[in-house]
Protein backbone atom coordinates (compact mmCIF):
# COMPACT_ATOMS: atom_id res chain seq x y z
CA MET A 1 -23.78 79.42 -20.00
CA ARG A 2 -24.83 81.88 -21.88
CA SER A 3 -21.44 84.28 -21.19
CA PHE A 4 -19.14 81.34 -22.93
CA VAL A 5 -20.34 81.43 -26.57
CA PRO A 6 -17.81 82.05 -28.87
CA ALA A 7 -17.92 86.26 -30.17
CA ALA A 8 -17.91 84.74 -33.58
CA VAL A 9 -21.10 82.83 -33.16
CA TRP A 10 -22.46 85.70 -31.56
CA VAL A 11 -22.38 87.86 -34.59
CA LEU A 12 -24.48 85.55 -36.40
CA LEU A 13 -27.36 84.79 -33.24
CA CYS A 14 -29.55 87.74 -34.03
CA ALA A 15 -30.48 86.66 -37.88
CA THR A 16 -32.13 83.41 -38.46
CA ALA A 17 -32.22 81.09 -41.67
CA SER A 18 -35.13 79.58 -43.13
CA LEU A 19 -34.21 75.52 -43.84
CA ALA A 20 -37.16 73.81 -44.06
CA GLN A 21 -36.02 71.42 -41.68
CA GLN A 22 -37.67 67.86 -40.15
CA ALA A 23 -37.09 65.83 -37.19
CA PRO A 24 -35.78 62.85 -37.98
CA GLY A 25 -37.62 60.22 -38.91
CA PHE A 26 -38.09 56.75 -40.89
CA GLU A 27 -41.75 55.69 -42.55
CA ALA A 28 -42.60 52.41 -43.98
CA LEU A 29 -44.27 53.07 -47.18
CA GLY A 30 -46.88 50.69 -47.28
CA SER A 31 -48.58 48.73 -49.79
CA LEU A 32 -50.90 49.39 -53.26
CA GLY A 33 -54.08 49.82 -52.01
CA GLY A 34 -53.58 50.01 -48.04
CA GLY A 35 -53.60 45.52 -47.92
CA SER A 36 -51.51 43.17 -45.70
CA THR A 37 -49.46 42.18 -48.95
CA VAL A 38 -46.28 44.30 -48.87
CA ALA A 39 -44.52 44.50 -52.25
CA SER A 40 -42.56 48.03 -53.14
CA SER A 41 -39.41 49.26 -54.65
CA VAL A 42 -39.11 53.16 -54.91
CA GLN A 43 -36.90 54.69 -57.61
CA GLY A 44 -37.15 58.22 -57.24
CA ILE A 45 -38.57 61.63 -55.51
CA SER A 46 -39.70 65.23 -56.54
CA ARG A 47 -37.63 68.24 -55.37
CA ASP A 48 -39.93 69.59 -53.00
CA GLY A 49 -40.21 65.94 -51.02
CA ARG A 50 -43.91 65.46 -51.45
CA VAL A 51 -44.16 62.27 -53.96
CA ILE A 52 -42.43 59.27 -54.58
CA VAL A 53 -42.40 57.09 -57.12
CA GLY A 54 -41.53 53.17 -58.18
CA SER A 55 -43.61 49.67 -58.15
CA ALA A 56 -45.56 47.78 -56.01
CA LEU A 57 -47.76 44.90 -56.14
CA ASN A 58 -51.06 44.79 -56.97
CA THR A 59 -52.57 42.00 -55.82
CA ALA A 60 -56.03 41.88 -57.42
CA GLN A 61 -53.95 41.62 -60.52
CA GLY A 62 -51.27 39.64 -59.70
CA ARG A 63 -48.53 42.32 -61.12
CA TYR A 64 -46.60 45.36 -60.08
CA GLU A 65 -47.39 48.62 -61.07
CA PRO A 66 -46.05 52.27 -61.50
CA VAL A 67 -46.88 53.80 -58.58
CA ARG A 68 -46.58 57.33 -56.81
CA TRP A 69 -47.06 57.59 -52.91
CA THR A 70 -47.90 60.97 -50.76
CA ALA A 71 -48.42 61.75 -47.67
CA GLY A 72 -52.27 60.53 -46.19
CA ALA A 73 -52.92 58.69 -49.80
CA GLY A 74 -50.14 56.42 -49.58
CA PHE A 75 -49.21 54.54 -52.56
CA ALA A 76 -51.76 55.04 -55.98
CA SER A 77 -51.62 53.41 -59.14
CA LEU A 78 -50.36 55.54 -62.44
CA GLY A 79 -52.43 53.34 -64.35
CA PHE A 80 -51.79 50.08 -67.05
CA LEU A 81 -51.98 49.74 -70.43
CA THR A 82 -53.20 46.62 -72.27
CA GLY A 83 -50.31 44.28 -73.15
CA HIS A 84 -48.45 44.55 -70.39
CA ALA A 85 -47.11 42.38 -67.58
CA SER A 86 -45.79 44.81 -65.37
CA GLY A 87 -44.29 48.25 -64.52
CA THR A 88 -42.38 50.77 -62.95
CA ALA A 89 -41.75 54.60 -62.38
CA TYR A 90 -38.33 55.56 -62.27
CA ASP A 91 -38.40 59.56 -62.14
CA VAL A 92 -40.55 62.66 -61.47
CA ASN A 93 -40.18 66.55 -61.34
CA GLU A 94 -39.94 68.90 -59.38
CA ASP A 95 -43.37 69.19 -58.40
CA GLY A 96 -44.27 65.92 -58.71
CA SER A 97 -46.89 66.57 -61.95
CA VAL A 98 -45.04 64.58 -64.49
CA ILE A 99 -43.73 61.45 -63.68
CA VAL A 100 -41.86 58.82 -66.55
CA GLY A 101 -40.94 55.27 -65.92
CA SER A 102 -41.46 51.96 -68.33
CA LEU A 103 -43.98 49.02 -68.93
CA THR A 104 -42.29 45.58 -69.68
CA ARG A 105 -44.55 44.04 -72.57
CA THR A 106 -45.69 40.36 -72.38
CA THR A 107 -44.00 39.46 -75.49
CA GLY A 108 -40.56 41.35 -74.46
CA GLY A 109 -39.22 44.64 -74.35
CA TYR A 110 -40.07 47.75 -72.82
CA THR A 111 -42.86 50.26 -73.31
CA ALA A 112 -41.68 54.08 -72.38
CA PHE A 113 -44.19 56.05 -70.37
CA ARG A 114 -45.24 59.59 -69.27
CA TRP A 115 -47.71 60.02 -66.92
CA THR A 116 -49.45 63.72 -65.73
CA ALA A 117 -52.69 64.25 -63.39
CA SER A 118 -54.28 65.25 -66.60
CA ASP A 119 -53.59 62.56 -68.91
CA GLY A 120 -53.09 59.96 -67.01
CA LEU A 121 -50.58 57.24 -68.24
CA LYS A 122 -49.38 57.85 -71.85
CA ALA A 123 -47.29 55.73 -74.17
CA LEU A 124 -44.25 58.11 -74.99
CA THR A 125 -44.98 58.91 -78.89
CA GLY A 126 -42.37 59.72 -81.61
CA LEU A 127 -39.71 57.63 -81.10
CA PRO A 128 -37.79 56.49 -84.59
CA SER A 129 -38.86 53.72 -86.66
CA ASN A 130 -35.62 51.44 -85.50
CA VAL A 131 -36.22 51.89 -82.03
CA THR A 132 -38.24 48.82 -80.45
CA GLY A 133 -38.18 49.80 -76.92
CA SER A 134 -37.33 52.30 -74.13
CA ILE A 135 -37.31 53.13 -70.72
CA PRO A 136 -36.67 56.76 -69.76
CA TYR A 137 -34.70 57.31 -66.10
CA ALA A 138 -35.00 60.19 -65.98
CA VAL A 139 -37.10 63.76 -66.73
CA ASN A 140 -36.45 67.69 -66.31
CA ARG A 141 -36.98 69.82 -63.20
CA ASP A 142 -40.46 71.29 -65.47
CA GLY A 143 -40.82 67.44 -67.08
CA THR A 144 -40.45 68.51 -70.70
CA VAL A 145 -37.59 66.48 -71.39
CA LEU A 146 -36.84 63.08 -70.62
CA ALA A 147 -33.49 60.41 -71.00
CA GLY A 148 -32.65 56.95 -70.48
CA VAL A 149 -32.35 54.11 -72.79
CA ALA A 150 -33.41 52.77 -75.93
CA TYR A 151 -33.38 49.68 -77.83
CA GLY A 152 -33.40 48.66 -81.26
CA THR A 153 -31.39 48.12 -84.89
CA LEU A 154 -28.87 51.07 -83.89
CA SER A 155 -25.70 52.94 -85.41
CA THR A 156 -22.99 52.57 -83.22
CA SER A 157 -19.34 52.88 -83.63
CA GLN A 158 -18.77 49.43 -84.45
CA GLY A 159 -21.36 49.62 -87.12
CA THR A 160 -25.45 49.04 -87.31
CA ARG A 161 -26.47 46.39 -85.09
CA SER A 162 -29.07 45.19 -82.42
CA ALA A 163 -28.25 47.21 -79.55
CA SER A 164 -29.22 49.72 -76.37
CA GLN A 165 -27.91 53.53 -76.48
CA VAL A 166 -28.78 56.31 -74.45
CA PHE A 167 -31.92 58.91 -75.99
CA LEU A 168 -33.24 62.84 -75.47
CA TRP A 169 -37.05 62.99 -75.88
CA THR A 170 -38.74 66.16 -75.98
CA ALA A 171 -42.32 66.58 -76.83
CA ALA A 172 -40.95 68.93 -80.03
CA GLN A 173 -38.61 66.94 -81.17
CA GLY A 174 -39.41 63.29 -80.11
CA MET A 175 -37.16 60.83 -79.17
CA VAL A 176 -33.36 61.71 -80.63
CA VAL A 177 -30.86 58.70 -79.80
CA LEU A 178 -27.33 60.16 -78.94
CA GLY A 179 -25.01 57.08 -79.20
CA GLU A 180 -21.68 56.37 -77.83
CA LEU A 181 -18.51 57.44 -76.66
CA PRO A 182 -16.39 57.32 -79.61
CA ASN A 183 -14.39 54.27 -80.52
CA ALA A 184 -16.57 52.01 -78.25
CA CYS A 185 -15.55 48.90 -77.90
CA ALA A 186 -17.15 45.95 -80.59
CA GLY A 187 -19.12 43.14 -78.76
CA GLU A 188 -21.03 44.22 -76.23
CA THR A 189 -25.05 45.24 -77.13
CA ASP A 190 -25.68 47.51 -74.08
CA ARG A 191 -23.93 50.50 -75.35
CA SER A 192 -24.96 53.39 -73.33
CA TYR A 193 -27.22 54.93 -70.75
CA GLY A 194 -28.96 58.02 -69.90
CA MET A 195 -29.58 58.28 -66.06
CA ASP A 196 -29.88 62.07 -64.81
CA LEU A 197 -30.83 65.48 -65.98
CA SER A 198 -29.95 68.75 -65.33
CA ASP A 199 -33.18 70.91 -64.65
CA ASP A 200 -33.05 72.28 -67.55
CA GLY A 201 -32.69 69.11 -69.51
CA SER A 202 -29.37 70.77 -71.19
CA VAL A 203 -26.85 68.38 -69.26
CA LEU A 204 -27.44 64.39 -69.11
CA VAL A 205 -24.71 61.82 -67.23
CA GLY A 206 -25.01 58.56 -67.43
CA TYR A 207 -22.62 56.09 -68.57
CA SER A 208 -21.14 54.15 -71.72
CA ARG A 209 -18.94 51.22 -72.81
CA SER A 210 -15.32 52.93 -73.56
CA GLY A 211 -12.93 51.55 -76.69
CA THR A 212 -11.60 48.93 -73.65
CA CYS A 213 -15.00 47.69 -73.13
CA ARG A 214 -15.03 49.29 -69.85
CA LEU A 215 -18.25 51.19 -68.30
CA GLU A 216 -17.42 54.91 -68.47
CA ALA A 217 -19.19 57.50 -66.52
CA PHE A 218 -20.01 60.48 -69.28
CA ARG A 219 -21.41 64.18 -69.06
CA TRP A 220 -23.16 65.15 -72.47
CA THR A 221 -24.05 68.50 -73.55
CA LEU A 222 -25.32 69.59 -76.97
CA ALA A 223 -22.92 71.89 -77.66
CA GLY A 224 -19.73 69.68 -76.66
CA GLY A 225 -21.48 66.41 -77.09
CA PHE A 226 -20.28 63.12 -74.74
CA THR A 227 -17.43 64.60 -72.27
CA THR A 228 -15.86 61.23 -70.37
CA LEU A 229 -15.51 62.03 -66.57
CA GLY A 230 -12.75 59.47 -65.85
CA GLY A 231 -12.96 57.02 -62.92
CA LEU A 232 -11.25 56.90 -59.80
CA GLY A 233 -9.29 53.80 -61.27
CA GLY A 234 -8.67 55.54 -64.65
CA PRO A 235 -10.08 54.05 -68.11
CA SER A 236 -9.19 50.45 -67.41
CA MET A 237 -11.93 50.36 -64.62
CA ASN A 238 -15.46 50.91 -64.50
CA SER A 239 -17.20 53.91 -63.43
CA ALA A 240 -21.02 55.35 -64.41
CA ALA A 241 -22.37 58.29 -63.55
CA GLU A 242 -26.08 58.24 -61.25
CA GLY A 243 -26.97 61.69 -60.67
CA ILE A 244 -26.36 65.10 -61.25
CA SER A 245 -27.24 68.80 -59.28
CA GLY A 246 -29.83 71.14 -60.86
CA ASP A 247 -27.22 73.60 -62.15
CA GLY A 248 -25.10 70.30 -63.80
CA SER A 249 -21.96 71.26 -61.90
CA VAL A 250 -21.84 68.25 -59.75
CA VAL A 251 -21.96 65.09 -60.96
CA VAL A 252 -22.23 61.36 -58.32
CA GLY A 253 -21.72 58.06 -58.89
CA TRP A 254 -19.16 55.31 -58.60
CA GLY A 255 -16.27 54.30 -59.55
CA VAL A 256 -14.03 51.09 -59.55
CA THR A 257 -10.48 51.22 -57.88
CA THR A 258 -8.01 48.23 -56.66
CA GLY A 259 -9.35 48.44 -53.84
CA GLY A 260 -13.35 47.83 -54.43
CA SER A 261 -15.92 50.50 -55.98
CA ARG A 262 -16.24 53.86 -54.26
CA ALA A 263 -18.68 56.31 -54.65
CA SER A 264 -17.65 59.51 -56.78
CA ARG A 265 -18.68 63.41 -56.74
CA TRP A 266 -16.97 64.86 -60.12
CA VAL A 267 -16.98 68.70 -59.66
CA ASP A 268 -15.16 71.28 -62.24
CA GLY A 269 -13.71 68.10 -63.40
CA GLN A 270 -12.28 66.51 -60.82
CA ILE A 271 -13.46 63.26 -59.01
CA GLN A 272 -13.67 62.88 -55.33
CA ASP A 273 -13.81 59.98 -53.71
CA LEU A 274 -16.20 59.89 -51.09
CA GLY A 275 -15.11 56.52 -49.15
CA ALA A 276 -17.14 53.80 -47.80
CA LEU A 277 -18.37 52.75 -44.52
CA PRO A 278 -16.44 50.55 -42.19
CA ASN A 279 -15.99 47.18 -43.15
CA PRO A 280 -14.13 44.54 -42.54
CA THR A 281 -14.57 42.19 -45.30
CA GLY A 282 -13.60 45.04 -47.90
CA ARG A 283 -15.11 48.70 -48.70
CA ALA A 284 -17.39 49.22 -51.50
CA SER A 285 -19.96 51.88 -52.02
CA ALA A 286 -21.56 53.50 -54.62
CA ALA A 287 -23.26 57.31 -54.84
CA THR A 288 -26.90 56.71 -56.66
CA ALA A 289 -28.30 60.45 -56.06
CA CYS A 290 -27.43 64.24 -54.91
CA ASN A 291 -29.60 66.83 -53.82
CA ALA A 292 -30.22 70.16 -56.14
CA ASP A 293 -26.83 71.71 -54.70
CA GLY A 294 -24.68 68.50 -54.71
CA ARG A 295 -23.67 69.13 -51.41
CA VAL A 296 -26.08 65.85 -50.30
CA VAL A 297 -25.31 62.60 -51.75
CA VAL A 298 -26.95 59.34 -51.10
CA GLY A 299 -26.19 55.43 -51.93
CA THR A 300 -25.17 52.37 -50.55
CA SER A 301 -22.25 50.87 -49.39
CA ARG A 302 -20.77 47.62 -47.92
CA VAL A 303 -21.68 46.29 -44.15
CA GLY A 304 -20.73 42.80 -43.90
CA ALA A 305 -22.45 40.42 -46.19
CA ALA A 306 -25.00 42.89 -47.28
CA ASN A 307 -25.37 46.49 -48.48
CA THR A 308 -26.53 49.21 -46.25
CA GLY A 309 -27.64 52.91 -46.77
CA PHE A 310 -25.61 56.46 -46.49
CA ALA A 311 -25.67 59.72 -46.80
CA TRP A 312 -22.62 61.97 -47.39
CA TYR A 313 -22.33 65.64 -46.52
CA HIS A 314 -20.02 68.15 -47.89
CA ARG A 315 -19.01 69.45 -44.68
CA TYR A 316 -19.51 66.23 -42.63
CA GLY A 317 -18.33 63.64 -45.03
CA MET A 318 -20.22 59.84 -45.11
CA TYR A 319 -22.29 58.31 -42.23
CA ASP A 320 -24.51 54.81 -42.07
CA LEU A 321 -28.46 55.89 -42.34
CA GLN A 322 -29.54 53.32 -40.35
CA ALA A 323 -26.88 53.85 -37.44
CA ARG A 324 -27.48 57.73 -37.44
CA LEU A 325 -31.25 57.02 -37.25
CA THR A 326 -31.11 54.77 -34.05
CA ALA A 327 -28.34 56.96 -32.38
CA LEU A 328 -31.19 59.55 -33.00
CA GLY A 329 -33.95 57.81 -30.99
CA VAL A 330 -35.52 56.86 -34.42
CA HIS A 331 -36.86 53.56 -33.03
CA ALA A 332 -38.97 52.66 -36.11
CA VAL A 333 -36.18 51.86 -38.25
CA ALA A 334 -35.23 48.27 -36.08
CA GLY A 335 -35.21 45.50 -37.68
CA TRP A 336 -34.97 47.15 -40.96
CA ALA A 337 -32.02 46.38 -43.97
CA LEU A 338 -31.87 49.58 -45.77
CA THR A 339 -30.50 47.71 -49.14
CA ASN A 340 -30.78 50.64 -51.53
CA ILE A 341 -31.15 54.47 -51.17
CA THR A 342 -32.32 55.51 -54.45
CA GLY A 343 -33.70 59.34 -54.43
CA VAL A 344 -33.18 62.70 -52.48
CA SER A 345 -35.26 65.73 -52.21
CA GLY A 346 -34.00 68.63 -53.01
CA ASP A 347 -32.84 70.46 -49.98
CA GLY A 348 -31.58 66.73 -48.91
CA SER A 349 -33.75 66.36 -45.97
CA VAL A 350 -35.48 63.50 -47.56
CA ILE A 351 -33.99 60.12 -48.29
CA VAL A 352 -35.82 57.20 -50.24
CA GLY A 353 -35.13 53.93 -50.53
CA TRP A 354 -36.45 50.36 -50.74
CA GLY A 355 -35.20 47.49 -48.75
CA ARG A 356 -36.44 44.28 -46.35
CA ASP A 357 -38.89 45.14 -43.08
CA PRO A 358 -38.72 42.91 -39.69
CA GLN A 359 -40.88 40.53 -41.69
CA GLY A 360 -38.57 40.46 -44.39
CA ARG A 361 -40.94 41.70 -46.86
CA SER A 362 -39.47 44.04 -49.95
CA SER A 363 -40.90 47.51 -48.90
CA GLY A 364 -40.27 51.39 -49.95
CA PHE A 365 -39.41 53.41 -47.06
CA ARG A 366 -38.75 57.57 -46.24
CA ILE A 367 -35.95 58.76 -44.09
CA THR A 368 -36.34 62.50 -42.49
CA LEU A 369 -33.15 64.10 -41.31
CA PRO A 370 -32.22 67.56 -41.14
CA ALA A 371 -30.29 69.05 -44.12
CA CYS A 372 -28.59 71.42 -41.89
CA PRO A 373 -27.43 69.19 -39.08
CA ASN A 374 -26.48 72.37 -36.93
CA ASP A 375 -29.65 72.90 -36.59
CA ALA A 376 -30.09 70.85 -33.55
CA ASN A 377 -33.90 71.59 -32.21
CA TYR A 378 -35.06 71.27 -36.27
CA ASP A 379 -37.21 74.01 -36.18
CA GLY A 380 -36.37 75.60 -39.65
CA SER A 381 -34.12 78.25 -37.75
CA LEU A 382 -30.49 78.38 -36.93
CA ASP A 383 -30.26 80.53 -33.93
CA ASP A 384 -29.02 80.85 -30.21
CA THR A 385 -31.56 77.69 -28.91
CA ASP A 386 -29.43 75.27 -31.59
CA TYR A 387 -26.23 76.58 -29.78
CA PHE A 388 -27.43 75.59 -26.70
CA GLU A 389 -29.24 72.80 -27.45
CA PHE A 390 -26.20 71.59 -28.94
CA LEU A 391 -24.07 72.43 -25.74
CA ASN A 392 -26.51 70.43 -23.71
CA ALA A 393 -26.22 66.87 -26.17
CA PHE A 394 -22.53 67.62 -26.28
CA PHE A 395 -21.75 67.75 -22.43
CA ALA A 396 -24.18 64.98 -22.23
CA ASN A 397 -22.51 62.79 -24.64
CA ASP A 398 -25.86 62.87 -26.55
CA PRO A 399 -24.77 61.05 -29.85
CA ALA A 400 -26.92 63.74 -31.79
CA ALA A 401 -23.45 66.12 -30.83
CA ASP A 402 -21.66 63.67 -32.85
CA ILE A 403 -21.80 65.91 -36.14
CA ASN A 404 -18.95 64.56 -37.35
CA HIS A 405 -20.06 61.27 -37.42
CA ASP A 406 -17.31 59.25 -36.21
CA ASN A 407 -19.63 57.53 -33.40
CA VAL A 408 -17.35 59.66 -30.54
CA VAL A 409 -18.55 62.67 -29.03
CA ASP A 410 -15.12 64.87 -28.51
CA GLY A 411 -13.99 68.20 -29.70
CA ALA A 412 -13.86 67.69 -32.98
CA ASP A 413 -17.41 67.64 -32.90
CA PHE A 414 -17.52 71.10 -31.21
CA GLU A 415 -14.96 72.81 -33.99
CA ASP A 416 -16.91 71.27 -36.85
CA PHE A 417 -20.89 72.80 -34.70
CA VAL A 418 -19.09 75.85 -34.55
CA ALA A 419 -17.77 75.85 -38.54
CA GLY A 420 -20.78 75.03 -39.45
CA PHE A 421 -22.92 77.58 -37.38
CA VAL A 422 -20.75 80.64 -38.44
CA ALA A 423 -20.96 79.60 -41.69
CA GLY A 424 -24.32 79.31 -41.53
CA CYS A 425 -24.80 75.60 -42.39
């Protein structure tokens, strides 16, 4: 068979690329304290893929607490503050050393927190006197910049009023409420939300009320302020930015069209419709996060009467995570409903979220999939072994050779594999 390898491919066979691949897998994250009562949700993952954050039920205290998950140790509580009823961790920096989230007060409202291994869970300081509560949804790469939503009596385009607006926080300046899109409409108290940050914290994305009271995706920088990204359906339809690449050049989220909501990707001012999974009752999707270079996008898409998770690759398009895992022989996913996909590691190989387990319990999960589908043996190198592994799967009509995820193993998959192999994946 080796004599049939195209010459263009042999050019690359002598070189190998380190891809840090992992074999396909699915793992339920369990419960806080290792008990039998499973109740958790997952909101984010560190870039290195080692730390997962969210919320889990503390059965002894009868409350949901902000948690971090690591392999071997499982869920661990980040701590708690008196006067609060529950809490959630929403984001984590690159190496898991800084985690941000909020606690819900027993009297109502939210207290933002920042957790570090050395200091533990501490309420965010440096808040303006007119801010009565806040939720940080994002933290930058080194943990020094936070973004989210602040609540209070705030200055809006319609005057000072009770409202919610996007904020940026640094240790040096404390919290700065950034405002909203110019000429945002009157009558709505939820004005703007900050959802994600670039690596250095200089670019912020989220959504804001527009002049027509619709939600509109935005990109914010210190130099340029708010910039409308635009939605697939135009200014008369809702849109939102939910995630951003490390350098701030790629933004992902969703936009409503006449055909329903669509996962969206903004690059260099251009918006891309990522599509949706096949659904006989109407197609709808939303992107929630992307990897470090923006080439792997994750989110959910409507299938039947419920949402299910997807992953989208810049070379191969969108596929159903559950169907793909099943095709690759990952039996642990059987019986699960992967209804919420919330994060992806920097290299795109670890995807996290939460859904319903086979017993109907709300539970976090961790998915591992090769960031490079052409690394057929998952050894972290792209070489001739992968080429022949693919050929074996291809001629056996194995679903593992369905590179373009259209549920058919055919010549199109062979062409995609070779093109990706030559390009180094």
